N, C-alpha and C. Protein backbone atom coordinates (compact mmCIF):
# COMPACT_ATOMS: atom_id res chain seq x y z
N MET A 1 -38.00 -52.54 -11.01
CA MET A 1 -38.00 -52.38 -9.72
C MET A 1 -36.35 -52.47 -9.62
N THR A 2 -35.31 -52.10 -8.61
CA THR A 2 -33.61 -51.82 -9.12
C THR A 2 -33.17 -52.76 -7.30
N THR A 3 -32.71 -53.59 -7.61
CA THR A 3 -32.87 -54.12 -6.62
C THR A 3 -31.12 -53.74 -5.93
N THR A 4 -31.28 -53.35 -4.59
CA THR A 4 -29.73 -53.16 -4.31
C THR A 4 -30.21 -53.58 -2.50
N MET A 5 -28.63 -53.49 -2.06
CA MET A 5 -28.77 -54.09 -0.95
C MET A 5 -27.27 -53.60 -0.07
N ARG A 6 -27.44 -52.46 0.68
CA ARG A 6 -26.07 -52.02 2.06
C ARG A 6 -25.89 -53.66 3.21
N ALA A 7 -24.41 -54.23 3.04
CA ALA A 7 -24.38 -54.80 4.27
C ALA A 7 -23.07 -54.29 4.81
N LYS A 8 -22.78 -54.34 6.12
CA LYS A 8 -21.46 -53.49 7.21
C LYS A 8 -20.81 -54.59 7.23
N LEU A 9 -19.75 -55.01 7.11
CA LEU A 9 -19.07 -55.61 6.71
C LEU A 9 -17.51 -55.33 8.18
N GLN A 10 -15.89 -55.81 8.52
CA GLN A 10 -15.46 -56.24 9.37
C GLN A 10 -14.12 -56.57 8.44
N VAL A 11 -13.05 -55.83 8.91
CA VAL A 11 -11.96 -56.38 7.86
C VAL A 11 -11.17 -57.21 8.95
N ALA A 12 -11.43 -58.84 8.41
CA ALA A 12 -10.50 -59.52 9.42
C ALA A 12 -9.19 -59.72 8.89
N SER A 13 -8.47 -59.65 8.12
CA SER A 13 -7.07 -59.61 7.91
C SER A 13 -7.15 -58.80 6.87
N VAL A 14 -5.48 -58.24 6.60
CA VAL A 14 -4.86 -58.02 5.47
C VAL A 14 -3.30 -58.36 5.52
N THR A 15 -3.29 -59.62 4.23
CA THR A 15 -2.27 -60.10 3.56
C THR A 15 -1.66 -59.24 3.22
N LEU A 16 -0.04 -59.16 3.61
CA LEU A 16 0.08 -58.95 2.11
C LEU A 16 1.36 -59.16 1.41
N HIS A 17 1.24 -58.92 -0.09
CA HIS A 17 2.47 -59.80 -1.15
C HIS A 17 3.19 -59.01 -1.60
N PRO A 18 3.38 -59.93 -2.86
CA PRO A 18 5.60 -58.34 -3.32
C PRO A 18 4.35 -57.12 -4.13
N LEU A 19 3.34 -57.61 -4.91
CA LEU A 19 2.12 -56.61 -5.90
C LEU A 19 0.67 -56.41 -5.37
N CYS A 20 0.47 -56.47 -4.53
CA CYS A 20 -0.41 -56.23 -4.21
C CYS A 20 -1.06 -57.11 -2.85
N GLU A 21 -2.51 -56.21 -2.11
CA GLU A 21 -2.58 -57.18 -0.49
C GLU A 21 -4.00 -57.90 -1.29
N THR A 22 -4.51 -58.33 -0.41
CA THR A 22 -5.28 -59.59 -0.30
C THR A 22 -6.45 -59.50 1.23
N LEU A 23 -7.62 -58.19 1.41
CA LEU A 23 -8.16 -57.92 2.05
C LEU A 23 -9.68 -58.88 2.33
N LYS A 24 -9.56 -60.04 3.72
CA LYS A 24 -11.16 -60.69 4.22
C LYS A 24 -11.49 -60.19 5.19
N PHE A 25 -13.05 -59.45 4.91
CA PHE A 25 -13.64 -59.41 5.05
C PHE A 25 -15.07 -60.37 5.48
N HIS A 26 -15.62 -60.18 6.85
CA HIS A 26 -16.52 -60.88 7.25
C HIS A 26 -17.84 -59.92 7.94
N ALA A 27 -18.86 -60.05 7.59
CA ALA A 27 -20.41 -59.72 8.42
C ALA A 27 -19.66 -58.83 10.06
N VAL A 28 -20.20 -58.14 10.63
CA VAL A 28 -19.45 -57.65 11.95
C VAL A 28 -20.83 -58.44 12.52
N CYS A 29 -20.64 -58.53 13.41
CA CYS A 29 -20.90 -59.08 15.37
C CYS A 29 -20.84 -58.44 15.94
N LYS A 30 -20.98 -58.38 17.06
CA LYS A 30 -20.22 -58.01 18.64
C LYS A 30 -19.54 -59.02 19.25
N SER A 31 -18.99 -58.68 20.01
CA SER A 31 -17.99 -59.77 20.57
C SER A 31 -18.87 -59.27 21.86
N GLY A 32 -19.69 -60.25 22.86
CA GLY A 32 -19.69 -60.08 24.23
C GLY A 32 -21.62 -59.74 24.18
N GLY A 33 -21.73 -59.64 22.61
CA GLY A 33 -23.65 -59.13 22.83
C GLY A 33 -24.71 -58.40 22.77
N TYR A 34 -25.30 -58.09 21.99
CA TYR A 34 -25.84 -56.71 21.62
C TYR A 34 -26.45 -56.40 22.73
N PRO A 35 -27.60 -55.10 23.32
CA PRO A 35 -27.92 -54.57 24.42
C PRO A 35 -29.56 -54.89 23.86
N ALA A 36 -30.00 -55.36 24.21
CA ALA A 36 -31.29 -55.80 25.37
C ALA A 36 -31.81 -55.66 23.99
N ASP A 37 -32.31 -54.09 24.43
CA ASP A 37 -33.39 -52.85 22.56
C ASP A 37 -32.88 -53.21 22.07
N GLY A 38 -32.32 -53.79 21.90
CA GLY A 38 -31.13 -54.34 19.95
C GLY A 38 -30.96 -52.32 19.33
N SER A 39 -30.80 -51.60 19.49
CA SER A 39 -30.26 -49.92 19.96
C SER A 39 -28.69 -50.43 18.78
N ASP A 40 -27.97 -51.36 18.97
CA ASP A 40 -26.45 -50.96 18.15
C ASP A 40 -26.80 -50.99 16.49
N GLU A 41 -26.01 -50.70 15.63
CA GLU A 41 -26.44 -50.17 14.80
C GLU A 41 -25.92 -51.61 13.72
N ASP A 42 -24.95 -52.50 13.93
CA ASP A 42 -24.13 -53.32 13.77
C ASP A 42 -24.97 -55.02 14.58
N ASN A 43 -26.30 -54.90 15.74
CA ASN A 43 -27.03 -55.34 15.13
C ASN A 43 -28.07 -55.44 14.01
N THR A 44 -28.27 -54.73 13.68
CA THR A 44 -29.27 -54.19 12.93
C THR A 44 -28.60 -55.58 11.75
N PHE A 45 -27.66 -55.00 11.12
CA PHE A 45 -27.07 -55.70 9.59
C PHE A 45 -27.36 -57.02 9.96
N ALA A 46 -26.07 -57.44 11.93
CA ALA A 46 -26.25 -59.21 11.32
C ALA A 46 -27.19 -59.27 11.71
N LYS A 47 -28.32 -59.05 12.50
CA LYS A 47 -29.68 -59.49 12.41
C LYS A 47 -30.19 -60.15 11.09
N PHE A 48 -30.07 -58.91 10.02
CA PHE A 48 -30.54 -59.69 8.33
C PHE A 48 -29.66 -59.84 7.75
N SER A 49 -28.33 -59.75 8.15
CA SER A 49 -27.08 -60.87 6.92
C SER A 49 -26.23 -61.10 8.22
N PRO A 50 -26.32 -62.61 8.94
CA PRO A 50 -25.72 -62.73 9.84
C PRO A 50 -24.11 -63.34 9.79
N SER A 51 -24.64 -63.62 9.03
CA SER A 51 -22.78 -64.59 7.95
C SER A 51 -22.52 -63.83 6.99
N ALA A 52 -21.43 -63.13 6.55
CA ALA A 52 -20.49 -63.19 4.97
C ALA A 52 -19.02 -63.09 5.15
N GLU A 53 -18.39 -63.73 4.12
CA GLU A 53 -16.79 -63.16 4.07
C GLU A 53 -16.89 -62.71 2.26
N LEU A 54 -16.65 -62.47 2.70
CA LEU A 54 -15.71 -61.27 1.26
C LEU A 54 -14.28 -60.57 0.99
N SER A 55 -13.96 -61.28 -0.02
CA SER A 55 -12.30 -61.18 -0.48
C SER A 55 -12.11 -60.23 -1.33
N ILE A 56 -10.64 -59.51 -1.44
CA ILE A 56 -10.11 -58.66 -2.59
C ILE A 56 -9.21 -58.41 -2.71
N THR A 57 -8.50 -59.16 -3.59
CA THR A 57 -7.57 -59.16 -3.68
C THR A 57 -6.80 -57.84 -4.03
N VAL A 58 -6.24 -56.71 -4.16
CA VAL A 58 -5.79 -55.47 -4.20
C VAL A 58 -5.12 -54.38 -4.81
N ALA A 59 -4.42 -54.15 -6.01
CA ALA A 59 -3.38 -53.94 -6.75
C ALA A 59 -2.90 -52.21 -7.30
N ASN A 60 -3.82 -51.94 -6.22
CA ASN A 60 -4.27 -50.84 -6.58
C ASN A 60 -2.76 -49.60 -5.00
N PRO A 61 -1.58 -49.56 -6.01
CA PRO A 61 -0.42 -49.10 -5.26
C PRO A 61 -1.12 -47.85 -3.50
N ALA A 62 -2.03 -46.90 -4.21
CA ALA A 62 -2.57 -45.86 -3.29
C ALA A 62 -3.11 -46.48 -2.43
N LEU A 63 -3.81 -47.77 -2.53
CA LEU A 63 -4.46 -48.30 -1.79
C LEU A 63 -4.08 -49.17 -0.47
N PHE A 64 -2.64 -49.75 -1.09
CA PHE A 64 -2.21 -50.38 0.41
C PHE A 64 -1.76 -50.37 1.45
N GLY A 65 -2.04 -50.04 2.35
CA GLY A 65 -1.57 -50.03 4.10
C GLY A 65 -3.02 -48.97 4.56
N GLN A 66 -3.81 -48.82 3.39
CA GLN A 66 -5.45 -48.10 3.71
C GLN A 66 -6.28 -48.89 5.12
N PHE A 67 -6.29 -50.02 4.69
CA PHE A 67 -7.27 -51.45 5.66
C PHE A 67 -6.86 -51.88 6.71
N LYS A 68 -7.27 -51.41 7.91
CA LYS A 68 -6.64 -53.02 8.96
C LYS A 68 -7.62 -53.17 9.86
N PRO A 69 -7.41 -54.19 10.05
CA PRO A 69 -7.86 -55.37 11.05
C PRO A 69 -8.90 -54.43 11.66
N GLY A 70 -9.51 -54.62 12.10
CA GLY A 70 -11.29 -54.73 12.97
C GLY A 70 -11.61 -53.48 12.33
N GLU A 71 -11.27 -52.63 11.42
CA GLU A 71 -11.80 -51.75 10.39
C GLU A 71 -13.79 -51.92 9.94
N LYS A 72 -14.10 -50.81 9.97
CA LYS A 72 -15.36 -51.75 9.08
C LYS A 72 -15.91 -50.43 8.03
N PHE A 73 -16.40 -51.07 7.13
CA PHE A 73 -17.18 -50.33 5.83
C PHE A 73 -18.69 -51.15 5.88
N TYR A 74 -19.37 -49.92 5.37
CA TYR A 74 -20.57 -50.00 4.07
C TYR A 74 -19.85 -50.94 2.72
N VAL A 75 -21.14 -52.10 2.26
CA VAL A 75 -20.39 -52.01 1.03
C VAL A 75 -21.75 -52.22 0.39
N ASP A 76 -22.35 -51.17 -0.31
CA ASP A 76 -22.94 -50.94 -1.74
C ASP A 76 -23.39 -52.07 -2.48
N PHE A 77 -24.12 -52.96 -2.56
CA PHE A 77 -25.32 -53.79 -3.66
C PHE A 77 -25.89 -53.50 -4.85
N THR A 78 -25.40 -52.21 -5.77
CA THR A 78 -27.10 -52.20 -6.94
C THR A 78 -26.57 -52.80 -8.23
N PRO A 79 -26.93 -52.62 -8.56
CA PRO A 79 -27.59 -53.22 -10.19
C PRO A 79 -25.85 -52.64 -11.36
N ALA A 80 -25.16 -53.42 -12.14
CA ALA A 80 -24.64 -52.82 -12.50
C ALA A 80 -25.35 -53.32 -14.35
N ASN A 81 -25.92 -53.24 -14.37
CA ASN A 81 -26.63 -53.10 -16.33
C ASN A 81 -26.09 -51.77 -16.81
């Protein structure tokens, strides 16, 4: 059996450095609450992974400026055997 997971993360901040950027992500959440029927997709992800933090330092100049606070991304985890 192969274990995989998909997370939905939101860009919390982007810190510019001379030769790189540091991207910080957190688990998605909905300010103001979710619909009572749970129909919001962020609600589904928050239910099963209510807390997450990820920090990545990117040194690829082609990616500088490509990530903006508030944007949301799927992050897939698959074994790297």
